[in-house]
Amino acid sequence: MMEGGSGIRCPQCNYQFPTIFCESCGSENLRESLYCSRCGKEVGGKEVGGKEVGEKEVGEKETSIDWEDRKLCSDGECIGVINEQGVCKVCGKPYTGEPE
């Protein structure tokens, strides 16, 4: 897997994220990516923070997301979901019902 490239930069602070290229299509992706953002092929298996992607720490609980049970933010403009406290994880607004 080839590393580096022209870079993916933050539009706010201009930070250049570490990247890799997909072996299948050649597209540049964030180094921590599991799948290519262009073709969807797996690019994972890389080390992130001293452990393999997907590897659990000893005693770390496995969490699974039940996509059917999550509540979307009531604000029609927000992409967040409602947390255990009843507020949006992104904008902080309280849940008032289905999105508008």
Protein backbone atom coordinates (compact mmCIF):
# COMPACT_ATOMS: atom_id res chain seq x y z
CA MET A 1 0.00 0.00 0.00
CA MET A 2 1.58 3.27 -1.08
CA GLU A 3 1.50 6.13 1.45
CA GLY A 4 1.46 9.90 1.03
CA GLY A 5 0.18 12.00 -1.84
CA SER A 6 -1.19 15.43 -2.56
CA GLY A 7 -3.09 15.14 0.69
CA ILE A 8 -6.47 15.51 2.24
CA ARG A 9 -6.57 18.83 4.09
CA CYS A 10 -8.87 20.30 6.71
CA PRO A 11 -10.69 23.28 5.15
CA GLN A 12 -10.58 25.17 8.46
CA CYS A 13 -6.98 24.78 9.70
CA ASN A 14 -5.24 23.38 6.58
CA TYR A 15 -3.96 20.31 8.50
CA GLN A 16 -2.83 17.62 6.06
CA PHE A 17 -4.15 14.20 7.11
CA PRO A 18 -1.96 11.11 6.60
CA THR A 19 -3.19 9.19 3.57
CA ILE A 20 -2.78 5.94 1.65
CA PHE A 21 -3.72 4.90 -1.88
CA CYS A 22 -6.21 2.15 -2.69
CA GLU A 23 -4.51 -0.80 -4.37
CA SER A 24 -7.63 -1.41 -6.46
CA CYS A 25 -8.43 2.01 -7.96
CA GLY A 26 -5.54 4.25 -6.87
CA SER A 27 -7.76 6.70 -4.98
CA GLU A 28 -6.25 8.57 -2.03
CA ASN A 29 -7.89 7.77 1.35
CA LEU A 30 -7.31 8.64 4.98
CA ARG A 31 -4.69 6.27 6.42
CA GLU A 32 -7.13 4.94 9.07
CA SER A 33 -9.78 4.07 6.45
CA LEU A 34 -11.10 0.53 6.38
CA TYR A 35 -12.62 0.89 2.90
CA CYS A 36 -11.84 3.00 -0.14
CA SER A 37 -14.03 6.10 -0.41
CA ARG A 38 -14.15 5.73 -4.19
CA CYS A 39 -14.55 2.02 -5.04
CA GLY A 40 -15.50 0.57 -1.63
CA LYS A 41 -12.79 -2.10 -1.65
CA GLU A 42 -11.17 -2.98 1.67
CA VAL A 43 -7.94 -1.08 2.36
CA GLY A 44 -7.87 -1.89 6.12
CA GLY A 45 -5.63 -3.91 8.35
CA LYS A 46 -3.35 -0.98 9.02
CA GLU A 47 -2.03 -0.21 12.46
CA VAL A 48 -3.75 2.71 14.22
CA GLY A 49 -2.53 3.90 17.60
CA GLY A 50 -0.38 0.83 18.21
CA LYS A 51 -3.05 -1.81 17.52
CA GLU A 52 -4.61 -3.31 14.44
CA VAL A 53 -7.83 -1.72 13.22
CA GLY A 54 -10.73 -3.59 14.78
CA GLU A 55 -8.59 -5.18 17.51
CA LYS A 56 -10.03 -4.78 21.01
CA GLU A 57 -8.13 -3.97 24.19
CA VAL A 58 -8.25 -6.53 27.00
CA GLY A 59 -11.54 -5.99 28.86
CA GLU A 60 -12.89 -3.63 26.19
CA LYS A 61 -16.62 -4.19 25.67
CA GLU A 62 -17.85 -4.97 22.20
CA THR A 63 -20.46 -2.43 21.18
CA SER A 64 -22.87 -2.92 18.36
CA ILE A 65 -25.09 -0.30 16.84
CA ASP A 66 -28.74 -1.17 16.36
CA TRP A 67 -29.47 1.09 13.41
CA GLU A 68 -33.23 0.52 13.67
CA ASP A 69 -33.47 1.75 17.29
CA ARG A 70 -31.58 5.04 16.96
CA LYS A 71 -33.45 8.34 17.02
CA LEU A 72 -32.45 11.05 14.56
CA CYS A 73 -32.22 14.69 15.61
CA SER A 74 -35.53 16.56 15.44
CA ASP A 75 -33.83 19.48 13.66
CA GLY A 76 -34.29 18.81 9.94
CA GLU A 77 -30.89 20.36 9.17
CA CYS A 78 -28.80 18.32 11.66
CA ILE A 79 -27.27 14.89 10.97
CA GLY A 80 -26.95 13.88 14.64
CA VAL A 81 -28.60 11.17 16.70
CA ILE A 82 -30.16 11.39 20.15
CA ASN A 83 -28.08 10.16 23.10
CA GLU A 84 -29.14 8.52 26.37
CA GLN A 85 -29.85 11.95 27.91
CA GLY A 86 -32.38 12.79 25.18
CA VAL A 87 -30.30 15.42 23.37
CA CYS A 88 -28.60 15.43 19.98
CA LYS A 89 -24.93 14.35 20.02
CA VAL A 90 -24.10 16.93 17.32
CA CYS A 91 -26.12 20.09 17.98
CA GLY A 92 -27.21 19.52 21.59
CA LYS A 93 -30.89 20.19 20.97
CA PRO A 94 -33.40 18.12 22.97
CA TYR A 95 -35.45 15.49 21.10
CA THR A 96 -38.95 16.80 20.22
CA GLY A 97 -40.16 14.10 17.84
CA GLU A 98 -39.47 12.90 14.34
CA PRO A 99 -37.30 15.11 12.07
CA GLU A 100 -39.18 17.84 10.24
